[in-house]
Protein backbone atom coordinates (compact mmCIF):
# COMPACT_ATOMS: atom_id res chain seq x y z
CA UNK A 1 34.61 18.69 -15.45
CA UNK A 2 34.61 20.78 -12.28
CA UNK A 3 36.62 19.37 -9.35
CA UNK A 4 33.34 18.54 -6.94
CA UNK A 5 32.17 16.60 -10.09
CA UNK A 6 35.31 14.69 -10.40
CA UNK A 7 35.42 13.70 -6.53
CA UNK A 8 31.52 12.37 -6.96
CA UNK A 9 32.54 10.34 -10.08
CA UNK A 10 35.93 8.74 -7.89
CA UNK A 11 33.30 8.18 -4.83
CA UNK A 12 31.25 6.33 -7.14
CA UNK A 13 33.80 4.23 -8.89
CA UNK A 14 35.18 3.12 -5.37
CA UNK A 15 31.86 2.05 -4.39
CA UNK A 16 31.52 0.36 -7.71
CA UNK A 17 34.75 -1.51 -7.21
CA UNK A 18 33.87 -2.57 -3.80
CA UNK A 19 36.26 -0.40 -2.17
CA UNK A 20 34.06 1.34 -0.32
CA UNK A 21 31.37 -1.02 0.96
CA UNK A 22 27.94 -0.41 2.48
CA UNK A 23 28.29 1.19 5.68
CA UNK A 24 31.94 1.73 5.22
CA UNK A 25 33.44 5.17 6.22
CA UNK A 26 34.15 7.42 3.55
CA UNK A 27 37.70 9.51 3.46
CA UNK A 28 37.65 12.51 5.70
CA UNK A 29 36.81 16.16 4.03
CA UNK A 30 40.66 16.91 4.67
CA UNK A 31 42.08 13.63 3.05
CA UNK A 32 40.17 14.20 0.05
CA UNK A 33 40.92 17.99 -0.12
CA UNK A 34 44.72 16.63 -0.26
CA UNK A 35 43.99 14.07 -2.74
CA UNK A 36 42.21 16.51 -5.25
CA UNK A 37 44.03 19.77 -4.32
CA UNK A 38 40.96 21.65 -3.40
CA UNK A 39 39.03 23.29 -0.51
CA UNK A 40 37.32 21.18 1.96
CA UNK A 41 34.32 23.27 0.94
CA UNK A 42 34.74 21.81 -2.38
CA UNK A 43 34.45 18.23 -0.98
CA UNK A 44 31.73 19.13 1.01
CA UNK A 45 29.64 20.21 -1.85
CA UNK A 46 30.40 16.62 -3.65
CA UNK A 47 29.39 14.97 -0.48
CA UNK A 48 26.13 16.63 0.00
CA UNK A 49 25.34 16.10 -3.58
CA UNK A 50 25.91 12.46 -3.08
CA UNK A 51 23.71 12.57 -0.03
CA UNK A 52 20.88 13.98 -2.05
CA UNK A 53 21.39 10.90 -4.67
CA UNK A 54 21.17 8.88 -1.44
CA UNK A 55 24.34 7.08 -2.08
CA UNK A 56 25.85 8.33 1.16
CA UNK A 57 24.45 9.44 4.38
CA UNK A 58 26.18 11.44 7.46
CA UNK A 59 26.03 11.20 10.95
CA UNK A 60 26.66 13.83 13.31
CA UNK A 61 30.02 14.34 14.63
CA UNK A 62 31.00 11.22 12.97
CA UNK A 63 31.44 11.56 9.30
CA UNK A 64 30.04 10.01 5.92
CA UNK A 65 29.23 6.42 5.27
CA UNK A 66 28.18 4.28 2.05
CA UNK A 67 24.46 3.95 2.08
CA UNK A 68 23.28 0.14 1.25
CA UNK A 69 21.47 -0.32 -1.80
CA UNK A 70 17.64 -1.16 -1.16
CA UNK A 71 17.73 -3.95 -3.88
CA UNK A 72 20.58 -5.87 -3.02
CA UNK A 73 22.13 -8.51 -5.37
CA UNK A 74 22.49 -10.95 -2.34
CA UNK A 75 20.63 -14.29 -3.37
CA UNK A 76 18.42 -15.20 -0.49
CA UNK A 77 18.50 -19.02 0.06
CA UNK A 78 15.81 -20.59 -2.13
CA UNK A 79 12.60 -21.15 -0.43
CA UNK A 80 10.51 -24.12 -1.73
CA UNK A 81 7.09 -22.45 -0.28
CA UNK A 82 5.16 -20.45 -3.14
CA UNK A 83 3.21 -17.80 -1.47
CA UNK A 84 0.35 -16.40 -3.35
CA UNK A 85 -1.68 -15.78 0.05
CA UNK A 86 0.56 -12.69 1.41
CA UNK A 87 -0.71 -8.89 1.27
CA UNK A 88 2.64 -7.93 2.77
CA UNK A 89 5.39 -6.04 0.64
CA UNK A 90 8.25 -8.14 -0.29
CA UNK A 91 10.81 -7.63 2.19
CA UNK A 92 13.68 -7.61 -0.35
CA UNK A 93 11.84 -4.45 -1.66
CA UNK A 94 11.98 -2.40 0.96
CA UNK A 95 14.18 0.68 1.82
CA UNK A 96 15.19 -0.93 5.19
CA UNK A 97 18.40 1.16 5.03
CA UNK A 98 17.36 4.34 3.73
CA UNK A 99 14.78 4.33 6.03
CA UNK A 100 16.94 3.85 9.02
CA UNK A 101 19.02 6.74 7.77
CA UNK A 102 15.84 8.76 8.31
CA UNK A 103 15.20 7.19 11.49
CA UNK A 104 18.58 8.46 12.79
CA UNK A 105 17.72 11.79 11.65
CA UNK A 106 14.42 11.86 13.20
CA UNK A 107 15.95 10.85 16.22
CA UNK A 108 18.47 13.63 16.21
CA UNK A 109 15.92 16.46 14.93
CA UNK A 110 12.85 15.43 17.24
CA UNK A 111 14.88 14.14 20.60
CA UNK A 112 12.84 16.88 22.75
CA UNK A 113 9.39 15.57 21.09
CA UNK A 114 10.02 11.79 21.92
CA UNK A 115 9.58 12.50 26.00
CA UNK A 116 5.95 14.08 25.47
CA UNK A 117 2.93 13.59 23.43
CA UNK A 118 2.26 15.54 19.99
CA UNK A 119 -1.16 16.58 18.82
CA UNK A 120 -3.43 13.60 18.30
CA UNK A 121 -3.89 15.41 14.77
CA UNK A 122 -0.21 14.52 13.96
CA UNK A 123 2.92 16.32 13.79
CA UNK A 124 2.49 19.60 12.19
CA UNK A 125 5.52 19.45 10.06
CA UNK A 126 4.62 16.26 8.45
CA UNK A 127 0.92 17.21 8.22
CA UNK A 128 2.64 20.42 5.85
CA UNK A 129 4.73 17.98 3.85
CA UNK A 130 1.87 15.20 3.37
CA UNK A 131 -0.30 18.16 1.91
CA UNK A 132 2.28 18.99 -0.43
CA UNK A 133 3.05 15.50 -1.38
CA UNK A 134 -0.51 14.10 -1.92
CA UNK A 135 -0.88 16.82 -4.59
CA UNK A 136 1.41 13.96 -6.76
CA UNK A 137 -2.03 11.68 -6.33
CA UNK A 138 -4.59 14.64 -7.46
CA UNK A 139 -5.03 15.10 -3.86
CA UNK A 140 -5.58 18.65 -3.12
CA UNK A 141 -6.61 19.51 0.32
CA UNK A 142 -6.08 21.91 3.32
CA UNK A 143 -3.39 20.62 5.99
CA UNK A 144 -6.30 21.10 8.49
CA UNK A 145 -8.17 18.31 7.11
CA UNK A 146 -5.31 15.86 7.34
CA UNK A 147 -5.04 13.54 10.60
CA UNK A 148 -2.08 11.04 11.06
CA UNK A 149 -3.07 7.89 12.44
CA UNK A 150 -1.31 4.79 13.60
CA UNK A 151 -1.83 2.68 10.23
CA UNK A 152 -4.84 2.86 7.84
CA UNK A 153 -6.88 0.14 10.33
CA UNK A 154 -6.92 2.33 13.03
CA UNK A 155 -8.56 4.90 10.71
CA UNK A 156 -11.08 2.41 9.81
CA UNK A 157 -11.95 1.33 13.20
CA UNK A 158 -12.67 5.02 14.55
CA UNK A 159 -14.70 5.78 11.32
CA UNK A 160 -16.58 2.60 11.83
CA UNK A 161 -17.50 3.47 15.60
CA UNK A 162 -17.67 7.32 15.58
CA UNK A 163 -21.38 8.90 14.58
CA UNK A 164 -21.79 10.61 11.42
CA UNK A 165 -23.71 13.98 10.49
CA UNK A 166 -25.98 12.02 8.23
CA UNK A 167 -27.43 10.20 11.31
CA UNK A 168 -27.19 7.10 9.61
CA UNK A 169 -25.64 3.87 11.36
CA UNK A 170 -24.99 1.15 8.81
CA UNK A 171 -21.68 0.87 6.61
CA UNK A 172 -21.80 -0.58 3.46
CA UNK A 173 -18.84 -2.53 1.99
CA UNK A 174 -17.89 -4.31 -1.35
CA UNK A 175 -18.29 -8.18 -1.47
CA UNK A 176 -15.83 -9.47 -1.48
CA UNK A 177 -13.47 -6.63 0.22
CA UNK A 178 -10.40 -6.36 2.54
CA UNK A 179 -11.24 -8.71 5.40
CA UNK A 180 -9.70 -6.07 7.90
CA UNK A 181 -12.61 -3.80 7.43
CA UNK A 182 -14.69 -6.84 7.84
CA UNK A 183 -13.40 -8.00 11.18
CA UNK A 184 -13.49 -4.34 12.50
CA UNK A 185 -17.07 -3.97 11.87
CA UNK A 186 -17.73 -7.26 13.27
CA UNK A 187 -15.85 -6.70 16.64
CA UNK A 188 -17.23 -3.19 16.86
CA UNK A 189 -20.99 -4.54 16.19
CA UNK A 190 -21.34 -2.21 13.35
CA UNK A 191 -24.51 -3.15 11.23
CA UNK A 192 -23.34 -3.69 7.91
CA UNK A 193 -24.56 -4.26 4.23
CA UNK A 194 -22.81 -5.70 1.11
CA UNK A 195 -22.83 -5.08 -2.36
CA UNK A 196 -21.37 -7.67 -4.80
CA UNK A 197 -18.36 -6.14 -6.83
CA UNK A 198 -17.22 -8.48 -9.47
CA UNK A 199 -14.79 -8.25 -12.30
CA UNK A 200 -16.92 -6.06 -14.23
CA UNK A 201 -17.30 -3.46 -11.33
CA UNK A 202 -20.47 -2.58 -9.23
CA UNK A 203 -24.00 -2.22 -9.93
CA UNK A 204 -25.05 1.22 -9.66
CA UNK A 205 -28.48 0.95 -9.58
CA UNK A 206 -28.26 -1.54 -6.81
CA UNK A 207 -25.86 1.15 -5.25
CA UNK A 208 -28.38 3.94 -5.60
CA UNK A 209 -31.02 1.65 -3.94
CA UNK A 210 -28.68 0.89 -1.07
CA UNK A 211 -27.72 4.89 -0.72
CA UNK A 212 -31.75 5.83 -0.80
CA UNK A 213 -32.91 3.15 1.36
CA UNK A 214 -30.47 1.45 3.48
CA UNK A 215 -29.50 4.04 6.39
CA UNK A 216 -25.85 4.08 5.26
CA UNK A 217 -23.35 6.46 7.19
CA UNK A 218 -20.48 5.46 4.62
CA UNK A 219 -19.73 3.46 2.02
CA UNK A 220 -15.89 1.61 2.33
CA UNK A 221 -14.63 1.19 -1.10
CA UNK A 222 -11.04 0.33 -2.70
CA UNK A 223 -11.53 1.99 -6.30
CA UNK A 224 -7.95 0.84 -7.48
CA UNK A 225 -6.62 -2.64 -7.41
CA UNK A 226 -9.23 -3.79 -5.35
CA UNK A 227 -8.65 -6.35 -2.59
CA UNK A 228 -9.35 -9.40 -3.56
CA UNK A 229 -10.49 -9.21 -7.39
CA UNK A 230 -8.01 -6.73 -8.81
CA UNK A 231 -10.45 -4.78 -10.24
CA UNK A 232 -10.57 -0.93 -10.81
CA UNK A 233 -13.18 1.25 -11.32
CA UNK A 234 -13.58 3.54 -14.05
CA UNK A 235 -13.51 7.35 -14.38
CA UNK A 236 -17.05 6.95 -15.08
CA UNK A 237 -17.88 4.68 -12.13
CA UNK A 238 -16.25 7.11 -9.81
CA UNK A 239 -17.70 10.23 -10.93
CA UNK A 240 -21.22 8.07 -10.53
CA UNK A 241 -20.65 6.89 -7.18
CA UNK A 242 -19.50 10.23 -5.75
CA UNK A 243 -22.68 11.94 -7.36
CA UNK A 244 -24.86 9.28 -5.58
CA UNK A 245 -23.03 9.83 -2.28
CA UNK A 246 -23.75 13.56 -2.72
CA UNK A 247 -27.41 12.97 -3.93
CA UNK A 248 -28.35 10.78 -0.71
CA UNK A 249 -26.09 12.21 1.81
CA UNK A 250 -23.69 9.26 1.99
CA UNK A 251 -20.16 9.42 2.98
CA UNK A 252 -17.48 7.29 0.98
CA UNK A 253 -14.27 5.95 2.83
CA UNK A 254 -11.79 5.74 -0.19
CA UNK A 255 -9.03 3.25 0.80
CA UNK A 256 -6.11 4.09 -1.74
CA UNK A 257 -3.89 1.51 -0.51
CA UNK A 258 -2.45 0.60 -3.91
CA UNK A 259 -2.03 4.55 -5.15
CA UNK A 260 1.71 4.07 -5.45
CA UNK A 261 1.73 1.41 -7.83
CA UNK A 262 -0.55 3.15 -10.47
CA UNK A 263 0.78 3.31 -13.95
CA UNK A 264 -2.19 5.34 -15.49
CA UNK A 265 -1.14 8.96 -14.80
CA UNK A 266 -4.74 9.74 -15.81
CA UNK A 267 -6.29 7.79 -13.05
CA UNK A 268 -7.16 9.90 -10.25
CA UNK A 269 -8.85 8.98 -6.99
CA UNK A 270 -12.91 9.46 -6.31
CA UNK A 271 -11.60 12.53 -3.84
CA UNK A 272 -10.50 14.49 -7.07
CA UNK A 273 -14.11 14.28 -8.06
CA UNK A 274 -15.67 15.23 -4.84
CA UNK A 275 -17.29 18.79 -4.57
CA UNK A 276 -19.70 18.02 -1.57
CA UNK A 277 -17.26 16.93 1.20
CA UNK A 278 -18.41 13.55 0.98
CA UNK A 279 -15.22 11.52 0.45
CA UNK A 280 -13.10 10.41 3.03
CA UNK A 281 -9.35 9.61 1.92
CA UNK A 282 -7.30 7.31 3.25
CA UNK A 283 -3.96 6.85 2.29
CA UNK A 284 -1.35 4.14 3.89
CA UNK A 285 2.44 3.84 3.29
CA UNK A 286 2.63 0.22 4.68
CA UNK A 287 2.53 -1.17 0.90
CA UNK A 288 5.83 0.50 -0.13
CA UNK A 289 7.73 1.36 3.04
CA UNK A 290 8.22 -0.54 6.20
CA UNK A 291 4.88 -2.20 7.23
CA UNK A 292 5.79 -1.57 11.02
CA UNK A 293 6.05 2.02 10.38
CA UNK A 294 2.06 2.22 11.38
CA UNK A 295 1.62 5.52 9.71
CA UNK A 296 -1.14 6.75 7.58
CA UNK A 297 -2.93 9.92 6.38
CA UNK A 298 -6.85 10.50 6.38
CA UNK A 299 -8.43 13.32 4.77
CA UNK A 300 -11.70 14.38 6.33
CA UNK A 301 -14.25 16.77 5.60
CA UNK A 302 -14.52 19.59 7.93
CA UNK A 303 -17.59 18.37 9.62
CA UNK A 304 -16.22 15.05 10.78
CA UNK A 305 -12.72 16.12 12.01
CA UNK A 306 -13.30 17.09 15.58
CA UNK A 307 -15.40 13.91 16.46
CA UNK A 308 -12.62 11.90 14.59
CA UNK A 309 -9.93 13.62 16.72
CA UNK A 310 -12.01 12.79 20.08
CA UNK A 311 -12.29 9.13 19.41
CA UNK A 312 -8.62 9.20 18.00
CA UNK A 313 -7.60 11.01 21.29
CA UNK A 314 -8.82 8.30 23.79
CA UNK A 315 -7.52 5.36 21.74
CA UNK A 316 -3.69 6.32 21.64
CA UNK A 317 -3.10 10.28 22.51
CA UNK A 318 -0.95 10.55 19.22
CA UNK A 319 0.71 8.46 16.87
CA UNK A 320 4.39 7.67 17.16
CA UNK A 321 6.65 10.66 16.73
CA UNK A 322 9.63 8.98 15.82
CA UNK A 323 8.02 7.09 12.53
CA UNK A 324 6.21 10.37 11.60
CA UNK A 325 9.66 12.49 11.92
CA UNK A 326 11.04 9.49 9.95
CA UNK A 327 8.24 9.58 7.23
CA UNK A 328 8.38 13.43 7.11
CA UNK A 329 12.39 13.24 6.22
CA UNK A 330 11.77 10.36 3.68
CA UNK A 331 9.18 12.59 1.75
CA UNK A 332 11.06 15.74 1.87
CA UNK A 333 14.38 14.19 0.54
CA UNK A 334 12.42 12.66 -2.87
CA UNK A 335 13.34 9.12 -1.78
CA UNK A 336 9.83 7.74 -2.20
CA UNK A 337 9.57 9.15 -5.60
CA UNK A 338 12.70 7.11 -6.59
CA UNK A 339 11.44 3.84 -4.56
CA UNK A 340 8.14 4.27 -5.94
CA UNK A 341 9.28 3.96 -9.66
CA UNK A 342 11.60 0.77 -8.78
CA UNK A 343 8.64 -1.16 -7.13
CA UNK A 344 5.96 0.04 -9.66
CA UNK A 345 8.03 -1.44 -12.38
CA UNK A 346 8.75 -4.57 -10.04
CA UNK A 347 5.21 -5.38 -9.60
CA UNK A 348 3.94 -4.45 -12.82
CA UNK A 349 6.55 -6.86 -14.87
CA UNK A 350 5.06 -9.77 -12.36
CA UNK A 351 1.77 -9.04 -13.23
CA UNK A 352 2.85 -9.26 -17.17
CA UNK A 353 4.55 -12.48 -16.20
CA UNK A 354 1.25 -13.94 -14.52
CA UNK A 355 -0.83 -12.95 -17.48
CA UNK A 356 1.59 -14.44 -19.95
CA UNK A 357 1.77 -17.87 -18.16
CA UNK A 358 -1.98 -17.79 -17.59
CA UNK A 359 -2.56 -17.11 -21.37
CA UNK A 360 -0.14 -20.02 -22.36
CA UNK A 361 -2.61 -22.50 -20.54
CA UNK A 362 -6.17 -23.58 -21.39
CA UNK A 363 -9.09 -23.69 -18.66
CA UNK A 364 -12.29 -22.56 -20.32
CA UNK A 365 -14.27 -23.06 -17.13
CA UNK A 366 -11.89 -20.91 -15.00
CA UNK A 367 -12.09 -16.86 -15.19
CA UNK A 368 -9.28 -14.32 -14.29
CA UNK A 369 -8.76 -10.86 -13.60
CA UNK A 370 -5.23 -9.48 -13.97
CA UNK A 371 -4.70 -5.96 -13.53
CA UNK A 372 -1.66 -4.10 -15.00
CA UNK A 373 -0.39 -3.65 -11.37
CA UNK A 374 -1.04 -3.96 -7.92
CA UNK A 375 -0.63 -6.81 -5.70
CA UNK A 376 -3.70 -8.87 -6.58
CA UNK A 377 -5.18 -10.98 -9.28
CA UNK A 378 -8.09 -13.33 -8.99
CA UNK A 379 -9.56 -16.40 -10.31
CA UNK A 380 -13.21 -16.84 -10.43
CA UNK A 381 -15.09 -20.50 -11.23
CA UNK A 382 -18.56 -20.33 -11.81
CA UNK A 383 -18.83 -24.16 -11.17
CA UNK A 384 -19.57 -26.31 -8.23
CA UNK A 385 -16.41 -27.26 -6.59
CA UNK A 386 -14.65 -28.74 -3.03
CA UNK A 387 -12.63 -25.61 -2.31
CA UNK A 388 -11.13 -27.20 0.96
CA UNK A 389 -10.01 -30.23 -1.07
CA UNK A 390 -8.25 -27.53 -3.49
CA UNK A 391 -6.82 -25.49 -0.71
CA UNK A 392 -5.68 -28.92 0.86
CA UNK A 393 -4.12 -30.17 -2.22
CA UNK A 394 -2.26 -27.04 -3.08
CA UNK A 395 -0.77 -26.80 0.52
CA UNK A 396 0.51 -30.52 0.27
CA UNK A 397 2.20 -29.09 -2.91
CA UNK A 398 3.71 -26.33 -0.93
CA UNK A 399 1.52 -23.70 -2.44
CA UNK A 400 -0.16 -21.14 -0.39
CA UNK A 401 -3.56 -19.46 -1.07
CA UNK A 402 -5.65 -17.24 0.83
CA UNK A 403 -8.83 -18.22 2.42
CA UNK A 404 -11.17 -16.09 0.47
CA UNK A 405 -14.15 -16.55 2.46
CA UNK A 406 -12.45 -14.32 4.87
CA UNK A 407 -13.41 -11.46 2.50
CA UNK A 408 -17.05 -11.83 2.91
CA UNK A 409 -19.76 -11.09 4.86
CA UNK A 410 -21.40 -14.37 6.12
CA UNK A 411 -24.55 -13.48 4.24
CA UNK A 412 -22.76 -13.36 1.06
CA UNK A 413 -20.00 -15.98 1.47
CA UNK A 414 -19.01 -17.89 -1.48
CA UNK A 415 -15.86 -20.19 -2.50
CA UNK A 416 -15.93 -19.30 -6.02
CA UNK A 417 -12.93 -16.88 -5.63
CA UNK A 418 -9.35 -17.47 -5.66
CA UNK A 419 -7.24 -14.49 -4.89
CA UNK A 420 -3.41 -14.79 -6.24
CA UNK A 421 -1.32 -12.33 -4.61
CA UNK A 422 2.06 -11.47 -6.21
CA UNK A 423 3.61 -9.30 -3.69
CA UNK A 424 6.18 -12.16 -2.15
CA UNK A 425 6.23 -14.30 -5.40
CA UNK A 426 9.03 -13.59 -8.13
CA UNK A 427 8.55 -14.51 -11.68
CA UNK A 428 10.25 -17.88 -11.51
CA UNK A 429 7.74 -19.03 -8.89
CA UNK A 430 4.93 -17.52 -10.81
CA UNK A 431 5.80 -19.78 -13.77
CA UNK A 432 6.09 -22.68 -11.62
CA UNK A 433 3.08 -22.21 -9.41
CA UNK A 434 0.26 -20.83 -11.56
CA UNK A 435 0.05 -24.19 -13.63
CA UNK A 436 -0.06 -26.19 -10.42
CA UNK A 437 -3.06 -23.83 -9.10
CA UNK A 438 -4.93 -24.10 -12.53
CA UNK A 439 -4.70 -27.77 -12.93
CA UNK A 440 -5.74 -28.29 -9.18
CA UNK A 441 -8.76 -26.25 -9.52
CA UNK A 442 -9.60 -28.19 -12.96
CA UNK A 443 -8.97 -31.50 -11.33
CA UNK A 444 -12.06 -30.90 -8.78
CA UNK A 445 -14.16 -29.20 -11.42
CA UNK A 446 -13.81 -32.45 -13.59
CA UNK A 447 -13.76 -34.84 -11.10
CA UNK A 448 -17.65 -35.32 -10.07
CA UNK A 449 -16.47 -37.51 -7.26
CA UNK A 450 -15.25 -34.31 -5.37
CA UNK A 451 -18.33 -32.17 -6.00
CA UNK A 452 -20.75 -30.39 -3.09
CA UNK A 453 -22.82 -32.73 -1.13
CA UNK A 454 -26.07 -31.24 -0.92
């Protein structure tokens, strides 16, 4: 074994044995060179390799330090709340320490830029990195088509209000869908239509009619691990929707929020099937990195770019430079790929646990959709029930669910859906909470006194 490899093994052993704790400074290059009877250059090579593995990090003029692990073994105090409502990532999975390292480096690298505005399009160096990084999702585009936004919500707000080349004015959304787009459309007074999306997908014949006669400027869709149903479109459905958009000159806004949790490498986004520049691709990093990062990337057809940038410029001038710089460093370092593998396994394991738990219970009137990954599974009850009573009873048992009526346009609203999010709920709580959820729903199905009053 070469000496620099011996040094690497020595440092790893010191960390493993607890002699070098998180954020503790490593021995200087000179001390290690004397200990191993080698040159300072050999030690520097070992430390550089450890930094590439994200085991240590360097601070300018200060030295090298142990990087804290993202998946800490620390046992947090037990919380009796079982939260099936949240769409935010589990804080215990977020790479705070490693991202802090990237922020520190970004401050040093972009310190001059912090005192001025950058291009509304985004930091050019980040855009170049994003163009290469998105290839991993089967997204191949010219960097000139990428715009960095202050979170995906900003992109949705701009797209909802700006004019489109097709001259149409209405937005079509799946029913149910992400409540953020519904609220944005409502606040911006945008005329909106809905189309049902259930556990079996979408009615393509109905979609064609709406595209043809509905005056639709764009169709907002979440093709994979849909919020709130958990459903994913098949390849055939994606291709069919894209072809219809081209045929009727309708744009598609593809919100690929859960792309990083995909397990099927053959599952490509709609964007990859688009040959007529009708798909607007939206990629956020809030579900796997720090939610407060507020950075997303939107890929726009050439005809939309200037209008989009004009609207963005007068909303916030430019997205936060520090966040952009930190994301650039994080992506270039390869940290995201390692982190993505960890969390995709974490959430897929939780989904497996959820499926096994549900399979062990018998509730014939309750239908389920449990995907292989993502945050969301869903219950559908094709029966009269008192939704408010169910939610109240679960709240009294310290179980929290989202009121899914917020995921519907007013004219489509129904209380037959229950979204189950596993983002903040570990396997132990899934096993404990799901039987209570099902038993509570079943109770208000079978007790006629609790039925709807018509």
